[in-house]
Amino acid sequence: MAPKRPKGAGAFPKAVESPAPKTPDPSELYAALDLGTNSCRMLIAQPKGNQFHVVDSFSKSVQLGAGLESTGRLSRGSMRRTVQALRICQQKLKRHRVKRMKLVATEACRRAKNSKDFINQVRRETGLKLDIIEPEEEARLAVISCAPLVSTKTEQLLVVDIGGGSTELVWIDLSKVPHRDRPKAIMRLHTGFHTADSPFPAAKVVDWISVPLGVATLRDQFSDVTDDSARFALMSWFFEENLTEFAPYKDEQSREGFQIIGTSGTVTTVAASHLGLRRYDRTKVDGLRMSSDQIDKVIRTYLDLGPIGRRRDPRIGQDRQALIMSGSAILQALLRCWPTDRLSVADRGLREGLLYAQMSADGVLEDGPF
C-alpha cells in the first residue's frame, strides 16, 4: 500500500519576505565631510552602541590642490571639479534630511591664497558651509578615529595620518593608563590634546607635528627627477629631514609595547598589496597588523614594477601610481626612524573622527569597550 501523500506536498512554499530596511530617523543622523588636497569624502551615519552605522557615503578624487605648489592658488578647474562633487554631497544631505553635520577643509584650503573666495563660492553654489580647520584639530580627529584599533598592551602609540597636502604625527604615552582603558583614553582626546584635570586615566600627548608634505605635495617637490628609484629615495630622506623638530625623533624606541597606527590611502593600498587582494576589501584591511619588514617588501615590489607596472596593478591604478610612491616614501621614512612589528592599518580617518567627536559631545555613544 502506497504511503499517503502528506497534506500540502508539492505545493509552492509560502514566500518569506524580509522586512524592508528601516528608514533612519533624520534626528539620529550625523554627517562628516572631509575636503582634502586630493579627495572629497563624506559619511552619513547614526550612532549604534559605542560605534556608528554608515547610512550613506561619498568619495571622489577632485585634486583640489593640483598646481597649488607652484602657484599658491586653487585653480579654476580644481574648484569647478570640487564644487560639482560638493553638489552631490549636498543632495545626499538633503535627501536624508541631516541636521547635525561637520564639513571641513584641510591643507589645500589652509595654504591657498584664494581659499576664502573658494569657500564663498561653495556657499553660494551649494549652500554648504565649509570650515577650514587647523592642523591640531585635523591631527586630533585622526587620532580619535583610530581609538578602536589601539591595543590594550600598547604603552607608546604613534598615529600617522598621511594626507594629500600634509602628514600629521601624534605620539601618545599610555603607560599610566590601565590596560583595559587605553582605547577609551584615546577617545577622550576629542576635547583636545591638552585637557584639564580629569578623574579618568589620561592619555598623554608627548608631541605632535603637522608636516606640510603629503602624497601630492611631496610628489610635486620632486617632479623634475626622472629616475624612479632616485626620486623615491630623495622623497623619503627629504620627508625625514622635516621630522627633526618632532621630539620623539631623537629617541630610539623599543618595539615592545610600541604601536604605530597608519591612516591613509597609502597604508591601505600597501596592506591590500601585502594580502594579494584583486579587489579591495575593507573588512580584510582595516585593523590588519603589519611589520616593518612586510611593508618594506611591498615597497620594494612597487619599485621593481616601475611606473608602467604600477599603473597596471589593480590595487594601484593609473591615477595613483605616482602618489603611492610619495606615500611609500613617507612610510619608509617613518619606519626607518621607528621600526615596529605592530603597524595597524586604519581604513578610517578624519570623517570618522568628525563623527565620533560630534556623537561623543552629544552623549549618544554607549560607554562600552571597543
Protein backbone atom coordinates (compact mmCIF):
# COMPACT_ATOMS: atom_id res chain seq x y z
CA MET A 1 0.00 0.00 0.00
CA ALA A 2 1.42 3.30 -1.08
CA PRO A 3 2.10 5.79 1.68
CA LYS A 4 -0.30 8.69 1.94
CA ARG A 5 0.81 11.89 0.36
CA PRO A 6 1.45 14.48 3.07
CA LYS A 7 -1.01 17.32 3.07
CA GLY A 8 0.31 20.23 1.06
CA ALA A 9 3.16 18.23 -0.51
CA GLY A 10 4.20 19.60 -3.87
CA ALA A 11 2.68 22.99 -3.18
CA PHE A 12 4.85 26.04 -3.54
CA PRO A 13 6.32 27.08 -0.21
CA LYS A 14 4.94 30.24 1.25
CA ALA A 15 7.19 33.15 0.35
CA VAL A 16 9.02 34.69 3.28
CA GLU A 17 9.74 38.33 2.68
CA SER A 18 12.49 40.02 4.59
CA PRO A 19 11.36 43.33 6.01
CA ALA A 20 12.42 46.40 4.09
CA PRO A 21 15.32 48.28 5.65
CA LYS A 22 14.03 50.73 8.19
CA THR A 23 14.48 54.31 7.10
CA PRO A 24 16.67 56.01 9.70
CA ASP A 25 15.15 58.82 11.73
CA PRO A 26 16.73 62.07 10.44
CA SER A 27 17.01 63.28 14.04
CA GLU A 28 19.51 60.46 14.69
CA LEU A 29 21.75 61.18 11.71
CA TYR A 30 25.16 62.87 11.67
CA ALA A 31 27.30 63.82 8.68
CA ALA A 32 31.03 64.43 8.27
CA LEU A 33 32.68 65.81 5.15
CA ASP A 34 36.43 65.96 4.59
CA LEU A 35 37.66 68.10 1.69
CA GLY A 36 41.35 67.40 1.32
CA THR A 37 44.06 68.19 -1.20
CA ASN A 38 43.14 65.21 -3.38
CA SER A 39 39.73 63.91 -2.35
CA CYS A 40 36.25 64.95 -1.26
CA ARG A 41 34.74 62.36 1.10
CA MET A 42 31.60 62.27 3.19
CA LEU A 43 29.86 59.88 5.59
CA ILE A 44 26.30 59.99 6.89
CA ALA A 45 25.82 57.77 9.94
CA GLN A 46 23.74 57.07 13.01
CA PRO A 47 25.07 56.05 16.45
CA LYS A 48 24.93 52.36 17.25
CA GLY A 49 26.22 51.23 20.64
CA ASN A 50 29.75 52.58 21.05
CA GLN A 51 30.21 52.78 17.27
CA PHE A 52 28.12 54.10 14.39
CA HIS A 53 26.30 52.65 11.39
CA VAL A 54 27.01 54.24 7.99
CA VAL A 55 23.80 55.13 6.16
CA ASP A 56 25.34 56.77 3.07
CA SER A 57 28.76 57.79 1.81
CA PHE A 58 30.54 59.64 -0.96
CA SER A 59 34.14 59.70 -2.18
CA LYS A 60 35.65 61.31 -5.25
CA SER A 61 39.13 62.40 -6.34
CA VAL A 62 38.81 66.13 -7.08
CA GLN A 63 42.53 67.10 -6.95
CA LEU A 64 41.70 70.44 -5.37
CA GLY A 65 45.40 71.10 -4.73
CA ALA A 66 46.55 70.49 -8.32
CA GLY A 67 49.07 73.22 -9.20
CA LEU A 68 48.95 74.74 -5.71
CA GLU A 69 52.63 74.01 -5.07
CA SER A 70 53.73 76.24 -7.96
CA THR A 71 51.06 78.97 -7.97
CA GLY A 72 49.92 79.21 -4.35
CA ARG A 73 46.34 79.31 -5.60
CA LEU A 74 43.47 76.90 -6.24
CA SER A 75 42.94 76.63 -10.00
CA ARG A 76 39.61 77.26 -11.71
CA GLY A 77 39.48 73.68 -12.95
CA SER A 78 40.14 72.28 -9.47
CA MET A 79 37.49 74.47 -7.91
CA ARG A 80 34.96 73.55 -10.61
CA ARG A 81 35.56 69.79 -10.09
CA THR A 82 35.25 70.21 -6.34
CA VAL A 83 32.02 72.22 -6.49
CA GLN A 84 30.48 69.51 -8.70
CA ALA A 85 31.38 66.87 -6.10
CA LEU A 86 30.03 69.04 -3.28
CA ARG A 87 26.70 69.40 -5.10
CA ILE A 88 26.32 65.62 -4.91
CA CYS A 89 27.11 65.75 -1.18
CA GLN A 90 24.51 68.49 -0.71
CA GLN A 91 21.89 66.37 -2.48
CA LYS A 92 22.63 63.40 -0.20
CA LEU A 93 22.39 65.58 2.90
CA LYS A 94 19.07 67.00 1.69
CA ARG A 95 17.67 63.56 0.81
CA HIS A 96 18.46 62.19 4.26
CA ARG A 97 17.37 65.47 5.94
CA VAL A 98 20.56 65.61 8.01
CA LYS A 99 20.69 68.44 10.54
CA ARG A 100 23.85 67.64 12.51
CA MET A 101 26.93 67.92 10.35
CA LYS A 102 30.56 68.99 10.34
CA LEU A 103 32.01 69.92 6.94
CA VAL A 104 35.72 70.70 6.91
CA ALA A 105 38.54 71.58 4.53
CA THR A 106 42.21 70.97 5.27
CA GLU A 107 45.70 71.68 3.92
CA ALA A 108 44.92 72.88 0.39
CA CYS A 109 42.49 75.49 1.69
CA ARG A 110 44.84 76.39 4.57
CA ARG A 111 47.60 77.24 2.08
CA ALA A 112 45.80 78.71 -0.93
CA LYS A 113 45.74 82.49 -1.28
CA ASN A 114 42.25 82.34 -2.77
CA SER A 115 40.72 79.86 -0.33
CA LYS A 116 38.33 82.44 1.14
CA ASP A 117 36.93 83.14 -2.33
CA PHE A 118 36.55 79.40 -2.90
CA ILE A 119 34.72 78.85 0.41
CA ASN A 120 32.33 81.68 -0.52
CA GLN A 121 31.78 80.14 -3.97
CA VAL A 122 30.91 76.79 -2.37
CA ARG A 123 28.41 78.52 -0.07
CA ARG A 124 26.77 80.36 -2.99
CA GLU A 125 26.56 77.37 -5.34
CA THR A 126 25.79 74.51 -2.94
CA GLY A 127 24.59 76.08 0.29
CA LEU A 128 27.29 74.16 2.20
CA LYS A 129 29.38 75.98 4.79
CA LEU A 130 32.92 74.61 4.92
CA ASP A 131 35.18 75.28 7.91
CA ILE A 132 38.93 75.34 7.33
CA ILE A 133 40.35 73.50 10.34
CA GLU A 134 43.78 73.96 11.90
CA PRO A 135 46.43 71.19 11.81
CA GLU A 136 45.98 70.35 15.51
CA GLU A 137 42.27 69.66 15.08
CA GLU A 138 42.99 67.56 11.98
CA ALA A 139 45.55 65.52 13.93
CA ARG A 140 43.22 65.13 16.92
CA LEU A 141 40.34 63.88 14.76
CA ALA A 142 42.59 61.34 13.03
CA VAL A 143 43.69 60.07 16.46
CA ILE A 144 40.22 59.52 17.91
CA SER A 145 39.05 57.77 14.72
CA CYS A 146 41.69 55.11 15.42
CA ALA A 147 40.74 54.51 19.08
CA PRO A 148 39.11 51.10 18.38
CA LEU A 149 42.42 49.84 16.91
CA VAL A 150 44.53 50.67 19.97
CA SER A 151 45.83 47.54 21.68
CA THR A 152 45.38 47.24 25.43
CA LYS A 153 49.09 46.22 25.50
CA THR A 154 50.28 49.46 23.91
CA GLU A 155 52.47 51.69 26.10
CA GLN A 156 53.63 54.14 23.41
CA LEU A 157 51.44 54.97 20.41
CA LEU A 158 52.26 56.83 17.20
CA VAL A 159 49.31 57.78 14.99
CA VAL A 160 50.22 58.80 11.44
CA ASP A 161 47.76 60.39 9.01
CA ILE A 162 49.27 60.71 5.52
CA GLY A 163 47.12 63.16 3.58
CA GLY A 164 47.37 64.74 0.17
CA GLY A 165 48.87 68.02 1.34
CA SER A 166 50.20 67.28 4.82
CA THR A 167 51.10 64.48 7.21
CA GLU A 168 50.10 64.57 10.88
CA LEU A 169 52.02 62.62 13.53
CA VAL A 170 50.88 62.31 17.15
CA TRP A 171 52.89 60.49 19.83
CA ILE A 172 50.88 59.35 22.85
CA ASP A 173 52.07 57.86 26.15
CA LEU A 174 49.56 55.35 27.54
CA SER A 175 51.81 53.78 30.17
CA LYS A 176 49.92 55.37 33.10
CA VAL A 177 46.51 54.21 31.82
CA PRO A 178 45.14 50.80 32.95
CA HIS A 179 45.34 48.31 30.09
CA ARG A 180 41.61 47.91 29.51
CA ASP A 181 41.03 51.68 29.49
CA ARG A 182 43.59 52.55 26.80
CA PRO A 183 41.21 52.69 23.79
CA LYS A 184 38.76 54.79 25.85
CA ALA A 185 41.57 57.14 26.89
CA ILE A 186 42.25 57.83 23.21
CA MET A 187 38.56 58.65 22.61
CA ARG A 188 38.65 61.20 25.43
CA LEU A 189 41.13 63.25 23.40
CA HIS A 190 38.18 64.53 21.36
CA THR A 191 38.07 67.54 23.71
CA GLY A 192 41.71 68.46 22.97
CA PHE A 193 45.31 67.28 23.26
CA HIS A 194 45.90 69.27 26.44
CA THR A 195 42.88 68.59 28.59
CA ALA A 196 42.15 69.85 32.08
CA ASP A 197 42.44 67.56 35.08
CA SER A 198 40.11 64.61 34.70
CA PRO A 199 39.00 61.84 37.08
CA PHE A 200 39.67 59.36 34.26
CA PRO A 201 43.09 57.89 33.39
CA ALA A 202 44.52 60.22 30.77
CA ALA A 203 46.44 59.56 27.57
CA LYS A 204 49.41 61.94 27.49
CA VAL A 205 50.21 63.57 24.16
CA VAL A 206 54.01 63.73 24.23
CA ASP A 207 54.28 65.69 20.97
CA TRP A 208 52.52 66.19 17.66
CA ILE A 209 53.55 67.69 14.33
CA SER A 210 51.92 68.60 11.03
CA VAL A 211 54.46 68.25 8.22
CA PRO A 212 53.35 70.25 5.13
CA LEU A 213 54.18 67.29 2.91
CA GLY A 214 51.58 64.77 1.79
CA VAL A 215 51.37 62.40 -1.16
CA ALA A 216 50.60 65.22 -3.64
CA THR A 217 52.85 67.96 -2.29
CA LEU A 218 55.84 65.63 -1.84
CA ARG A 219 55.38 64.27 -5.36
CA ASP A 220 55.30 67.81 -6.76
CA GLN A 221 58.52 68.75 -4.92
CA PHE A 222 60.47 66.13 -6.93
CA SER A 223 58.53 66.04 -10.21
CA ASP A 224 61.67 67.11 -12.11
CA VAL A 225 63.60 63.94 -11.09
CA THR A 226 63.17 61.43 -13.92
CA ASP A 227 64.71 58.31 -12.37
CA ASP A 228 62.05 56.40 -10.41
CA SER A 229 64.32 54.95 -7.69
CA ALA A 230 66.29 58.17 -7.22
CA ARG A 231 63.08 60.19 -6.88
CA PHE A 232 61.78 57.74 -4.27
CA ALA A 233 65.00 57.91 -2.22
CA LEU A 234 65.08 61.72 -2.34
CA MET A 235 61.44 61.98 -1.26
CA SER A 236 61.99 59.63 1.68
CA TRP A 237 65.09 61.41 3.01
CA PHE A 238 63.53 64.85 2.45
CA PHE A 239 60.49 63.87 4.48
CA GLU A 240 62.69 62.58 7.31
CA GLU A 241 64.53 65.93 7.39
CA ASN A 242 61.19 67.54 8.21
CA LEU A 243 60.80 65.36 11.32
CA THR A 244 63.76 66.77 13.23
CA GLU A 245 61.53 69.14 15.26
CA PHE A 246 59.36 66.23 16.41
CA ALA A 247 60.52 65.45 19.97
CA PRO A 248 60.43 61.62 19.76
CA TYR A 249 62.62 61.75 16.61
CA LYS A 250 65.71 61.92 18.81
CA ASP A 251 64.76 58.86 20.89
CA GLU A 252 65.27 55.22 19.99
CA GLN A 253 62.06 53.29 20.58
CA SER A 254 61.79 49.70 21.78
CA ARG A 255 59.46 47.55 19.68
CA GLU A 256 57.96 46.07 22.83
CA GLY A 257 54.77 47.90 23.81
CA PHE A 258 55.06 50.24 20.80
CA GLN A 259 52.31 50.55 18.20
CA ILE A 260 52.01 52.64 15.05
CA ILE A 261 48.58 53.23 13.54
CA GLY A 262 48.65 54.43 9.95
CA THR A 263 45.60 56.01 8.40
CA SER A 264 45.72 56.89 4.70
CA GLY A 265 45.16 55.56 1.22
CA THR A 266 48.86 54.77 1.10
CA VAL A 267 48.74 52.45 4.11
CA THR A 268 45.55 50.69 2.99
CA THR A 269 46.96 50.19 -0.54
CA VAL A 270 50.18 48.71 0.87
CA ALA A 271 48.06 46.39 3.04
CA ALA A 272 45.96 45.29 0.04
CA SER A 273 49.14 44.54 -1.90
CA HIS A 274 50.55 42.57 1.05
CA LEU A 275 47.36 40.48 1.18
CA GLY A 276 47.37 39.98 -2.60
CA LEU A 277 43.80 41.26 -2.94
CA ARG A 278 42.49 41.55 -6.50
CA ARG A 279 39.59 43.68 -5.28
CA TYR A 280 39.83 45.96 -2.28
CA ASP A 281 38.08 44.59 0.82
CA ARG A 282 37.83 46.93 3.80
CA THR A 283 36.94 44.12 6.20
CA LYS A 284 40.29 42.46 5.49
CA VAL A 285 42.36 45.64 5.55
CA ASP A 286 41.03 47.73 8.45
CA GLY A 287 42.80 46.61 11.63
CA LEU A 288 45.39 44.45 9.83
CA ARG A 289 48.79 44.42 11.55
CA MET A 290 51.99 44.50 9.53
CA SER A 291 55.68 44.51 10.43
CA SER A 292 58.28 46.90 9.06
CA ASP A 293 59.78 44.02 7.06
CA GLN A 294 56.45 43.19 5.41
CA ILE A 295 55.87 46.83 4.45
CA ASP A 296 59.41 47.17 3.11
CA LYS A 297 58.86 44.09 0.92
CA VAL A 298 55.73 45.64 -0.64
CA ILE A 299 57.53 48.95 -1.28
CA ARG A 300 60.43 47.12 -2.98
CA THR A 301 57.88 45.39 -5.20
CA TYR A 302 56.45 48.78 -6.19
CA LEU A 303 59.94 49.97 -7.15
CA ASP A 304 60.58 46.79 -9.15
CA LEU A 305 57.31 47.27 -11.04
CA GLY A 306 58.23 50.80 -12.13
CA PRO A 307 55.67 53.40 -13.28
CA ILE A 308 54.20 51.23 -16.07
CA GLY A 309 53.85 48.15 -13.85
CA ARG A 310 52.25 50.18 -11.06
CA ARG A 311 49.67 51.63 -13.49
CA ARG A 312 48.69 48.08 -14.46
CA ASP A 313 48.46 46.86 -10.87
CA PRO A 314 44.73 46.68 -9.96
CA ARG A 315 45.46 47.74 -6.38
CA ILE A 316 47.14 50.96 -7.51
CA GLY A 317 45.91 52.04 -10.95
CA GLN A 318 46.85 54.79 -13.34
CA ASP A 319 45.68 57.73 -11.25
CA ARG A 320 47.53 56.71 -8.08
CA GLN A 321 50.78 55.20 -9.32
CA ALA A 322 52.83 58.36 -8.63
CA LEU A 323 51.01 59.11 -5.37
CA ILE A 324 51.65 55.62 -3.99
CA MET A 325 55.40 56.18 -4.31
CA SER A 326 55.40 59.52 -2.49
CA GLY A 327 53.20 57.95 0.20
CA SER A 328 55.51 54.93 0.40
CA ALA A 329 58.49 57.28 0.75
CA ILE A 330 56.81 58.86 3.79
CA LEU A 331 56.00 55.44 5.24
CA GLN A 332 59.57 54.20 4.71
CA ALA A 333 60.99 57.29 6.43
CA LEU A 334 58.77 56.70 9.47
CA LEU A 335 59.72 53.03 9.73
CA ARG A 336 63.39 53.91 9.35
CA CYS A 337 63.02 56.08 12.44
CA TRP A 338 60.74 53.75 14.42
CA PRO A 339 60.80 50.10 13.25
CA THR A 340 57.84 48.16 14.56
CA ASP A 341 56.26 44.72 14.47
CA ARG A 342 52.85 46.29 15.04
CA LEU A 343 51.78 48.82 12.44
CA SER A 344 47.99 48.74 12.46
CA VAL A 345 46.30 49.65 9.19
CA ALA A 346 43.34 52.01 9.60
CA ASP A 347 40.78 52.38 6.83
CA ARG A 348 39.38 55.35 8.70
CA GLY A 349 40.41 58.93 9.35
CA LEU A 350 39.12 62.46 9.52
CA ARG A 351 35.48 61.69 8.64
CA GLU A 352 35.23 59.01 11.29
CA GLY A 353 36.90 61.33 13.80
CA LEU A 354 34.39 64.07 13.00
CA LEU A 355 31.53 61.64 13.59
CA TYR A 356 32.98 60.34 16.86
CA ALA A 357 33.57 63.89 18.09
CA GLN A 358 30.03 65.02 17.33
CA MET A 359 28.43 61.91 18.82
CA SER A 360 30.65 61.96 21.91
CA ALA A 361 29.85 65.63 22.52
CA ASP A 362 26.11 64.81 22.30
CA GLY A 363 26.50 61.79 24.60
CA VAL A 364 24.82 59.37 22.18
CA LEU A 365 27.56 56.72 22.17
CA GLU A 366 27.47 53.96 24.75
CA ASP A 367 30.49 53.95 27.06
CA GLY A 368 31.46 50.36 26.37
CA PRO A 369 34.69 48.62 25.43
CA PHE A 370 35.82 48.74 21.84
